[in-house]
Amino acid sequence: MPQVTMYTTQVCPFCVRAKALLKQRGVEQIDEIRIDLDPEQRRLMMSRTGRRTVPQIFIGETHVGGCDDLVELDQQGALQPLLAGGGCSART
């Protein structure tokens, strides 16, 4: 399973929802980067994704996007193959 990285803040219901969905799909380890604790990480996230909101989710090197993007990917049946390392047409 590819590494899952998520930019988060402490008080973010979308982050909680995204983590719950990933865990339901078998993800045991999520590397969280707390941008509320480190302004430099916020700047890096914005540079890397072009977005200001959290969560911002990466599966391997694929930028999935935010919580709504993750849910949509799951509903399309593309999340499990991506988690299995098969790739998908997620946002980059």
PDB file of N, CA and C in Angstrom:
ATOM      1  N   MET A   1       0.850  -1.182   0.000  1.00  0.00           N
ATOM      2  CA  MET A   1       0.000   0.000   0.000  1.00  0.00           C
ATOM      3  C   MET A   1       0.892   1.240   0.000  1.00  0.00           C
ATOM      4  N   PRO A   2       0.589   2.186  -0.880  1.00  0.00           N
ATOM      5  CA  PRO A   2       1.377   3.418  -0.917  1.00  0.00           C
ATOM      6  C   PRO A   2       1.211   4.234   0.371  1.00  0.00           C
ATOM      7  N   GLN A   3       2.187   5.071   0.637  1.00  0.00           N
ATOM      8  CA  GLN A   3       2.123   5.958   1.790  1.00  0.00           C
ATOM      9  C   GLN A   3       0.981   6.955   1.598  1.00  0.00           C
ATOM     10  N   VAL A   4       0.217   7.195   2.666  1.00  0.00           N
ATOM     11  CA  VAL A   4      -0.853   8.187   2.645  1.00  0.00           C
ATOM     12  C   VAL A   4      -0.412   9.360   3.509  1.00  0.00           C
ATOM     13  N   THR A   5      -0.403  10.539   2.912  1.00  0.00           N
ATOM     14  CA  THR A   5      -0.017  11.763   3.607  1.00  0.00           C
ATOM     15  C   THR A   5      -1.196  12.716   3.568  1.00  0.00           C
ATOM     16  N   MET A   6      -1.464  13.355   4.708  1.00  0.00           N
ATOM     17  CA  MET A   6      -2.601  14.269   4.784  1.00  0.00           C
ATOM     18  C   MET A   6      -2.186  15.529   5.534  1.00  0.00           C
ATOM     19  N   TYR A   7      -2.375  16.664   4.880  1.00  0.00           N
ATOM     20  CA  TYR A   7      -2.211  17.949   5.551  1.00  0.00           C
ATOM     21  C   TYR A   7      -3.490  18.208   6.331  1.00  0.00           C
ATOM     22  N   THR A   8      -3.347  18.522   7.636  1.00  0.00           N
ATOM     23  CA  THR A   8      -4.506  18.653   8.506  1.00  0.00           C
ATOM     24  C   THR A   8      -4.340  19.831   9.470  1.00  0.00           C
ATOM     25  N   THR A   9      -5.422  20.103  10.196  1.00  0.00           N
ATOM     26  CA  THR A   9      -5.384  20.968  11.374  1.00  0.00           C
ATOM     27  C   THR A   9      -6.072  20.198  12.498  1.00  0.00           C
ATOM     28  N   GLN A  10      -5.902  20.692  13.715  1.00  0.00           N
ATOM     29  CA  GLN A  10      -6.472  19.980  14.858  1.00  0.00           C
ATOM     30  C   GLN A  10      -7.993  19.942  14.816  1.00  0.00           C
ATOM     31  N   VAL A  11      -8.616  21.068  14.523  1.00  0.00           N
ATOM     32  CA  VAL A  11     -10.075  21.152  14.554  1.00  0.00           C
ATOM     33  C   VAL A  11     -10.585  21.240  13.116  1.00  0.00           C
ATOM     34  N   CYS A  12     -10.784  20.082  12.507  1.00  0.00           N
ATOM     35  CA  CYS A  12     -11.210  20.035  11.111  1.00  0.00           C
ATOM     36  C   CYS A  12     -12.107  18.819  10.915  1.00  0.00           C
ATOM     37  N   PRO A  13     -13.422  19.020  10.828  1.00  0.00           N
ATOM     38  CA  PRO A  13     -14.319  17.875  10.667  1.00  0.00           C
ATOM     39  C   PRO A  13     -14.103  17.138   9.348  1.00  0.00           C
ATOM     40  N   PHE A  14     -13.653  17.838   8.311  1.00  0.00           N
ATOM     41  CA  PHE A  14     -13.388  17.177   7.034  1.00  0.00           C
ATOM     42  C   PHE A  14     -12.169  16.266   7.135  1.00  0.00           C
ATOM     43  N   CYS A  15     -11.194  16.669   7.947  1.00  0.00           N
ATOM     44  CA  CYS A  15     -10.015  15.830   8.170  1.00  0.00           C
ATOM     45  C   CYS A  15     -10.417  14.543   8.881  1.00  0.00           C
ATOM     46  N   VAL A  16     -11.269  14.680   9.884  1.00  0.00           N
ATOM     47  CA  VAL A  16     -11.750  13.517  10.634  1.00  0.00           C
ATOM     48  C   VAL A  16     -12.505  12.570   9.691  1.00  0.00           C
ATOM     49  N   ARG A  17     -13.361  13.130   8.862  1.00  0.00           N
ATOM     50  CA  ARG A  17     -14.155  12.316   7.922  1.00  0.00           C
ATOM     51  C   ARG A  17     -13.249  11.592   6.918  1.00  0.00           C
ATOM     52  N   ALA A  18     -12.247  12.305   6.395  1.00  0.00           N
ATOM     53  CA  ALA A  18     -11.333  11.703   5.428  1.00  0.00           C
ATOM     54  C   ALA A  18     -10.518  10.578   6.075  1.00  0.00           C
ATOM     55  N   LYS A  19     -10.029  10.808   7.288  1.00  0.00           N
ATOM     56  CA  LYS A  19      -9.266   9.763   7.988  1.00  0.00           C
ATOM     57  C   LYS A  19     -10.135   8.539   8.238  1.00  0.00           C
ATOM     58  N   ALA A  20     -11.395   8.747   8.621  1.00  0.00           N
ATOM     59  CA  ALA A  20     -12.303   7.625   8.884  1.00  0.00           C
ATOM     60  C   ALA A  20     -12.527   6.805   7.614  1.00  0.00           C
ATOM     61  N   LEU A  21     -12.737   7.473   6.486  1.00  0.00           N
ATOM     62  CA  LEU A  21     -12.952   6.756   5.228  1.00  0.00           C
ATOM     63  C   LEU A  21     -11.705   5.957   4.839  1.00  0.00           C
ATOM     64  N   LEU A  22     -10.544   6.575   4.967  1.00  0.00           N
ATOM     65  CA  LEU A  22      -9.305   5.871   4.629  1.00  0.00           C
ATOM     66  C   LEU A  22      -9.120   4.642   5.514  1.00  0.00           C
ATOM     67  N   LYS A  23      -9.400   4.789   6.802  1.00  0.00           N
ATOM     68  CA  LYS A  23      -9.267   3.638   7.708  1.00  0.00           C
ATOM     69  C   LYS A  23     -10.274   2.548   7.358  1.00  0.00           C
ATOM     70  N   GLN A  24     -11.499   2.926   6.948  1.00  0.00           N
ATOM     71  CA  GLN A  24     -12.499   1.944   6.513  1.00  0.00           C
ATOM     72  C   GLN A  24     -12.009   1.178   5.290  1.00  0.00           C
ATOM     73  N   ARG A  25     -11.183   1.812   4.488  1.00  0.00           N
ATOM     74  CA  ARG A  25     -10.667   1.188   3.269  1.00  0.00           C
ATOM     75  C   ARG A  25      -9.336   0.482   3.493  1.00  0.00           C
ATOM     76  N   GLY A  26      -8.946   0.338   4.757  1.00  0.00           N
ATOM     77  CA  GLY A  26      -7.780  -0.474   5.085  1.00  0.00           C
ATOM     78  C   GLY A  26      -6.483   0.263   5.318  1.00  0.00           C
ATOM     79  N   VAL A  27      -6.510   1.574   5.316  1.00  0.00           N
ATOM     80  CA  VAL A  27      -5.287   2.335   5.573  1.00  0.00           C
ATOM     81  C   VAL A  27      -5.008   2.302   7.073  1.00  0.00           C
ATOM     82  N   GLU A  28      -3.850   1.788   7.437  1.00  0.00           N
ATOM     83  CA  GLU A  28      -3.497   1.683   8.850  1.00  0.00           C
ATOM     84  C   GLU A  28      -2.663   2.864   9.326  1.00  0.00           C
ATOM     85  N   GLN A  29      -1.898   3.464   8.419  1.00  0.00           N
ATOM     86  CA  GLN A  29      -0.995   4.552   8.793  1.00  0.00           C
ATOM     87  C   GLN A  29      -1.236   5.755   7.889  1.00  0.00           C
ATOM     88  N   ILE A  30      -1.540   6.893   8.499  1.00  0.00           N
ATOM     89  CA  ILE A  30      -1.678   8.148   7.773  1.00  0.00           C
ATOM     90  C   ILE A  30      -0.641   9.104   8.342  1.00  0.00           C
ATOM     91  N   ASP A  31       0.240   9.582   7.489  1.00  0.00           N
ATOM     92  CA  ASP A  31       1.237  10.558   7.919  1.00  0.00           C
ATOM     93  C   ASP A  31       0.592  11.936   7.871  1.00  0.00           C
ATOM     94  N   GLU A  32       0.306  12.478   9.053  1.00  0.00           N
ATOM     95  CA  GLU A  32      -0.348  13.773   9.135  1.00  0.00           C
ATOM     96  C   GLU A  32       0.670  14.884   9.256  1.00  0.00           C
ATOM     97  N   ILE A  33       0.441  15.940   8.500  1.00  0.00           N
ATOM     98  CA  ILE A  33       1.251  17.146   8.588  1.00  0.00           C
ATOM     99  C   ILE A  33       0.336  18.242   9.091  1.00  0.00           C
ATOM    100  N   ARG A  34       0.550  18.677  10.320  1.00  0.00           N
ATOM    101  CA  ARG A  34      -0.312  19.672  10.965  1.00  0.00           C
ATOM    102  C   ARG A  34       0.126  21.076  10.563  1.00  0.00           C
ATOM    103  N   ILE A  35      -0.643  21.681   9.689  1.00  0.00           N
ATOM    104  CA  ILE A  35      -0.273  23.012   9.214  1.00  0.00           C
ATOM    105  C   ILE A  35      -0.640  24.107  10.208  1.00  0.00           C
ATOM    106  N   ASP A  36      -1.479  23.800  11.195  1.00  0.00           N
ATOM    107  CA  ASP A  36      -1.804  24.798  12.211  1.00  0.00           C
ATOM    108  C   ASP A  36      -0.672  24.960  13.217  1.00  0.00           C
ATOM    109  N   LEU A  37       0.213  24.005  13.274  1.00  0.00           N
ATOM    110  CA  LEU A  37       1.347  24.069  14.194  1.00  0.00           C
ATOM    111  C   LEU A  37       2.608  24.601  13.532  1.00  0.00           C
ATOM    112  N   ASP A  38       2.635  24.597  12.206  1.00  0.00           N
ATOM    113  CA  ASP A  38       3.853  24.959  11.480  1.00  0.00           C
ATOM    114  C   ASP A  38       3.499  25.772  10.236  1.00  0.00           C
ATOM    115  N   PRO A  39       3.616  27.091  10.305  1.00  0.00           N
ATOM    116  CA  PRO A  39       3.274  27.946   9.163  1.00  0.00           C
ATOM    117  C   PRO A  39       4.063  27.601   7.892  1.00  0.00           C
ATOM    118  N   GLU A  40       5.273  27.117   8.044  1.00  0.00           N
ATOM    119  CA  GLU A  40       6.064  26.740   6.870  1.00  0.00           C
ATOM    120  C   GLU A  40       5.416  25.558   6.149  1.00  0.00           C
ATOM    121  N   GLN A  41       4.841  24.623   6.893  1.00  0.00           N
ATOM    122  CA  GLN A  41       4.158  23.486   6.277  1.00  0.00           C
ATOM    123  C   GLN A  41       2.914  23.953   5.514  1.00  0.00           C
ATOM    124  N   ARG A  42       2.228  24.966   6.031  1.00  0.00           N
ATOM    125  CA  ARG A  42       1.078  25.532   5.320  1.00  0.00           C
ATOM    126  C   ARG A  42       1.531  26.098   3.979  1.00  0.00           C
ATOM    127  N   ARG A  43       2.634  26.837   3.998  1.00  0.00           N
ATOM    128  CA  ARG A  43       3.162  27.414   2.768  1.00  0.00           C
ATOM    129  C   ARG A  43       3.554  26.314   1.784  1.00  0.00           C
ATOM    130  N   LEU A  44       4.195  25.273   2.276  1.00  0.00           N
ATOM    131  CA  LEU A  44       4.590  24.153   1.411  1.00  0.00           C
ATOM    132  C   LEU A  44       3.369  23.450   0.828  1.00  0.00           C
ATOM    133  N   MET A  45       2.325  23.259   1.655  1.00  0.00           N
ATOM    134  CA  MET A  45       1.101  22.628   1.176  1.00  0.00           C
ATOM    135  C   MET A  45       0.491  23.449   0.039  1.00  0.00           C
ATOM    136  N   MET A  46       0.407  24.764   0.235  1.00  0.00           N
ATOM    137  CA  MET A  46      -0.185  25.629  -0.781  1.00  0.00           C
ATOM    138  C   MET A  46       0.649  25.616  -2.061  1.00  0.00           C
ATOM    139  N   SER A  47       1.953  25.576  -1.905  1.00  0.00           N
ATOM    140  CA  SER A  47       2.830  25.513  -3.074  1.00  0.00           C
ATOM    141  C   SER A  47       2.676  24.176  -3.806  1.00  0.00           C
ATOM    142  N   ARG A  48       2.555  23.123  -3.035  1.00  0.00           N
ATOM    143  CA  ARG A  48       2.478  21.767  -3.598  1.00  0.00           C
ATOM    144  C   ARG A  48       1.131  21.484  -4.249  1.00  0.00           C
ATOM    145  N   THR A  49       0.043  22.043  -3.676  1.00  0.00           N
ATOM    146  CA  THR A  49      -1.297  21.686  -4.142  1.00  0.00           C
ATOM    147  C   THR A  49      -2.032  22.819  -4.855  1.00  0.00           C
ATOM    148  N   GLY A  50      -1.625  24.048  -4.601  1.00  0.00           N
ATOM    149  CA  GLY A  50      -2.362  25.186  -5.143  1.00  0.00           C
ATOM    150  C   GLY A  50      -3.650  25.455  -4.381  1.00  0.00           C
ATOM    151  N   ARG A  51      -3.820  24.815  -3.241  1.00  0.00           N
ATOM    152  CA  ARG A  51      -5.033  24.951  -2.438  1.00  0.00           C
ATOM    153  C   ARG A  51      -4.692  25.446  -1.042  1.00  0.00           C
ATOM    154  N   ARG A  52      -5.692  26.073  -0.390  1.00  0.00           N
ATOM    155  CA  ARG A  52      -5.502  26.649   0.937  1.00  0.00           C
ATOM    156  C   ARG A  52      -6.210  25.851   2.035  1.00  0.00           C
ATOM    157  N   THR A  53      -7.128  24.962   1.653  1.00  0.00           N
ATOM    158  CA  THR A  53      -7.972  24.279   2.628  1.00  0.00           C
ATOM    159  C   THR A  53      -7.410  22.908   2.995  1.00  0.00           C
ATOM    160  N   VAL A  54      -7.846  22.421   4.159  1.00  0.00           N
ATOM    161  CA  VAL A  54      -7.493  21.079   4.593  1.00  0.00           C
ATOM    162  C   VAL A  54      -8.763  20.247   4.676  1.00  0.00           C
ATOM    163  N   PRO A  55      -8.620  18.944   4.537  1.00  0.00           N
ATOM    164  CA  PRO A  55      -7.370  18.235   4.316  1.00  0.00           C
ATOM    165  C   PRO A  55      -6.924  18.321   2.859  1.00  0.00           C
ATOM    166  N   GLN A  56      -5.648  18.102   2.663  1.00  0.00           N
ATOM    167  CA  GLN A  56      -5.102  17.851   1.336  1.00  0.00           C
ATOM    168  C   GLN A  56      -4.453  16.484   1.445  1.00  0.00           C
ATOM    169  N   ILE A  57      -4.872  15.565   0.595  1.00  0.00           N
ATOM    170  CA  ILE A  57      -4.529  14.158   0.736  1.00  0.00           C
ATOM    171  C   ILE A  57      -3.685  13.703  -0.442  1.00  0.00           C
ATOM    172  N   PHE A  58      -2.609  12.995  -0.112  1.00  0.00           N
ATOM    173  CA  PHE A  58      -1.765  12.358  -1.117  1.00  0.00           C
ATOM    174  C   PHE A  58      -1.746  10.870  -0.843  1.00  0.00           C
ATOM    175  N   ILE A  59      -1.919  10.086  -1.892  1.00  0.00           N
ATOM    176  CA  ILE A  59      -1.733   8.642  -1.816  1.00  0.00           C
ATOM    177  C   ILE A  59      -0.562   8.353  -2.725  1.00  0.00           C
ATOM    178  N   GLY A  60       0.548   7.957  -2.108  1.00  0.00           N
ATOM    179  CA  GLY A  60       1.799   7.897  -2.860  1.00  0.00           C
ATOM    180  C   GLY A  60       2.118   9.311  -3.317  1.00  0.00           C
ATOM    181  N   GLU A  61       2.407   9.472  -4.576  1.00  0.00           N
ATOM    182  CA  GLU A  61       2.693  10.795  -5.139  1.00  0.00           C
ATOM    183  C   GLU A  61       1.456  11.435  -5.775  1.00  0.00           C
ATOM    184  N   THR A  62       0.315  10.759  -5.722  1.00  0.00           N
ATOM    185  CA  THR A  62      -0.912  11.256  -6.331  1.00  0.00           C
ATOM    186  C   THR A  62      -1.644  12.182  -5.378  1.00  0.00           C
ATOM    187  N   HIS A  63      -1.875  13.407  -5.809  1.00  0.00           N
ATOM    188  CA  HIS A  63      -2.662  14.353  -5.022  1.00  0.00           C
ATOM    189  C   HIS A  63      -4.135  14.058  -5.271  1.00  0.00           C
ATOM    190  N   VAL A  64      -4.800  13.541  -4.254  1.00  0.00           N
ATOM    191  CA  VAL A  64      -6.217  13.199  -4.349  1.00  0.00           C
ATOM    192  C   VAL A  64      -7.067  14.462  -4.242  1.00  0.00           C
ATOM    193  N   GLY A  65      -6.650  15.388  -3.399  1.00  0.00           N
ATOM    194  CA  GLY A  65      -7.414  16.607  -3.153  1.00  0.00           C
ATOM    195  C   GLY A  65      -7.901  16.623  -1.722  1.00  0.00           C
ATOM    196  N   GLY A  66      -9.106  17.156  -1.511  1.00  0.00           N
ATOM    197  CA  GLY A  66      -9.678  17.261  -0.180  1.00  0.00           C
ATOM    198  C   GLY A  66     -10.627  16.116   0.133  1.00  0.00           C
ATOM    199  N   CYS A  67     -11.391  16.295   1.194  1.00  0.00           N
ATOM    200  CA  CYS A  67     -12.316  15.256   1.650  1.00  0.00           C
ATOM    201  C   CYS A  67     -13.369  14.936   0.597  1.00  0.00           C
ATOM    202  N   ASP A  68     -13.977  15.955   0.015  1.00  0.00           N
ATOM    203  CA  ASP A  68     -15.006  15.717  -1.003  1.00  0.00           C
ATOM    204  C   ASP A  68     -14.415  14.970  -2.201  1.00  0.00           C
ATOM    205  N   ASP A  69     -13.197  15.304  -2.564  1.00  0.00           N
ATOM    206  CA  ASP A  69     -12.528  14.620  -3.675  1.00  0.00           C
ATOM    207  C   ASP A  69     -12.287  13.150  -3.337  1.00  0.00           C
ATOM    208  N   LEU A  70     -11.896  12.892  -2.092  1.00  0.00           N
ATOM    209  CA  LEU A  70     -11.654  11.522  -1.638  1.00  0.00           C
ATOM    210  C   LEU A  70     -12.949  10.712  -1.678  1.00  0.00           C
ATOM    211  N   VAL A  71     -14.032  11.293  -1.190  1.00  0.00           N
ATOM    212  CA  VAL A  71     -15.335  10.613  -1.191  1.00  0.00           C
ATOM    213  C   VAL A  71     -15.763  10.318  -2.627  1.00  0.00           C
ATOM    214  N   GLU A  72     -15.602  11.297  -3.504  1.00  0.00           N
ATOM    215  CA  GLU A  72     -15.973  11.098  -4.906  1.00  0.00           C
ATOM    216  C   GLU A  72     -15.151   9.978  -5.546  1.00  0.00           C
ATOM    217  N   LEU A  73     -13.865   9.971  -5.248  1.00  0.00           N
ATOM    218  CA  LEU A  73     -12.984   8.926  -5.765  1.00  0.00           C
ATOM    219  C   LEU A  73     -13.452   7.549  -5.292  1.00  0.00           C
ATOM    220  N   ASP A  74     -13.848   7.470  -4.020  1.00  0.00           N
ATOM    221  CA  ASP A  74     -14.344   6.214  -3.468  1.00  0.00           C
ATOM    222  C   ASP A  74     -15.647   5.802  -4.142  1.00  0.00           C
ATOM    223  N   GLN A  75     -16.560   6.746  -4.340  1.00  0.00           N
ATOM    224  CA  GLN A  75     -17.849   6.435  -4.970  1.00  0.00           C
ATOM    225  C   GLN A  75     -17.681   5.987  -6.420  1.00  0.00           C
ATOM    226  N   GLN A  76     -16.643   6.465  -7.076  1.00  0.00           N
ATOM    227  CA  GLN A  76     -16.363   6.063  -8.458  1.00  0.00           C
ATOM    228  C   GLN A  76     -15.650   4.710  -8.535  1.00  0.00           C
ATOM    229  N   GLY A  77     -15.285   4.161  -7.367  1.00  0.00           N
ATOM    230  CA  GLY A  77     -14.596   2.884  -7.346  1.00  0.00           C
ATOM    231  C   GLY A  77     -13.110   2.984  -7.638  1.00  0.00           C
ATOM    232  N   ALA A  78     -12.566   4.178  -7.586  1.00  0.00           N
ATOM    233  CA  ALA A  78     -11.155   4.367  -7.932  1.00  0.00           C
ATOM    234  C   ALA A  78     -10.240   4.462  -6.715  1.00  0.00           C
ATOM    235  N   LEU A  79     -10.793   4.558  -5.498  1.00  0.00           N
ATOM    236  CA  LEU A  79      -9.958   4.683  -4.313  1.00  0.00           C
ATOM    237  C   LEU A  79      -9.225   3.389  -3.999  1.00  0.00           C
ATOM    238  N   GLN A  80      -9.928   2.273  -4.001  1.00  0.00           N
ATOM    239  CA  GLN A  80      -9.285   0.994  -3.658  1.00  0.00           C
ATOM    240  C   GLN A  80      -8.129   0.664  -4.605  1.00  0.00           C
ATOM    241  N   PRO A  81      -8.287   0.806  -5.928  1.00  0.00           N
ATOM    242  CA  PRO A  81      -7.146   0.546  -6.809  1.00  0.00           C
ATOM    243  C   PRO A  81      -5.961   1.471  -6.524  1.00  0.00           C
ATOM    244  N   LEU A  82      -6.243   2.717  -6.201  1.00  0.00           N
ATOM    245  CA  LEU A  82      -5.163   3.652  -5.882  1.00  0.00           C
ATOM    246  C   LEU A  82      -4.448   3.222  -4.600  1.00  0.00           C
ATOM    247  N   LEU A  83      -5.208   2.800  -3.604  1.00  0.00           N
ATOM    248  CA  LEU A  83      -4.616   2.327  -2.362  1.00  0.00           C
ATOM    249  C   LEU A  83      -3.835   1.037  -2.566  1.00  0.00           C
ATOM    250  N   ALA A  84      -4.216   0.269  -3.576  1.00  0.00           N
ATOM    251  CA  ALA A  84      -3.510  -0.971  -3.878  1.00  0.00           C
ATOM    252  C   ALA A  84      -2.252  -0.704  -4.719  1.00  0.00           C
ATOM    253  N   GLY A  85      -2.064   0.561  -5.099  1.00  0.00           N
ATOM    254  CA  GLY A  85      -0.885   0.902  -5.888  1.00  0.00           C
ATOM    255  C   GLY A  85      -1.126   0.902  -7.373  1.00  0.00           C
ATOM    256  N   GLY A  86      -2.401   0.841  -7.786  1.00  0.00           N
ATOM    257  CA  GLY A  86      -2.716   0.744  -9.205  1.00  0.00           C
ATOM    258  C   GLY A  86      -2.862   2.062  -9.919  1.00  0.00           C
ATOM    259  N   GLY A  87      -2.837   3.167  -9.187  1.00  0.00           N
ATOM    260  CA  GLY A  87      -2.970   4.477  -9.831  1.00  0.00           C
ATOM    261  C   GLY A  87      -4.414   4.781 -10.177  1.00  0.00           C
ATOM    262  N   CYS A  88      -4.652   6.040 -10.553  1.00  0.00           N
ATOM    263  CA  CYS A  88      -5.983   6.481 -10.959  1.00  0.00           C
ATOM    264  C   CYS A  88      -5.862   7.829 -11.626  1.00  0.00           C
ATOM    265  N   SER A  89      -6.993   8.391 -11.976  1.00  0.00           N
ATOM    266  CA  SER A  89      -6.998   9.696 -12.618  1.00  0.00           C
ATOM    267  C   SER A  89      -7.302  10.792 -11.618  1.00  0.00           C
ATOM    268  N   ALA A  90      -6.767  10.680 -10.409  1.00  0.00           N
ATOM    269  CA  ALA A  90      -7.002  11.703  -9.394  1.00  0.00           C
ATOM    270  C   ALA A  90      -6.301  12.997  -9.767  1.00  0.00           C
ATOM    271  N   ARG A  91      -6.666  14.049  -9.063  1.00  0.00           N
ATOM    272  CA  ARG A  91      -6.096  15.362  -9.307  1.00  0.00           C
ATOM    273  C   ARG A  91      -4.614  15.369  -8.950  1.00  0.00           C
ATOM    274  N   THR A  92      -3.831  16.080  -9.759  1.00  0.00           N
ATOM    275  CA  THR A  92      -2.399  16.186  -9.463  1.00  0.00           C
ATOM    276  C   THR A  92      -1.999  17.621  -9.353  1.00  0.00           C
TER     277      THR A  92
END
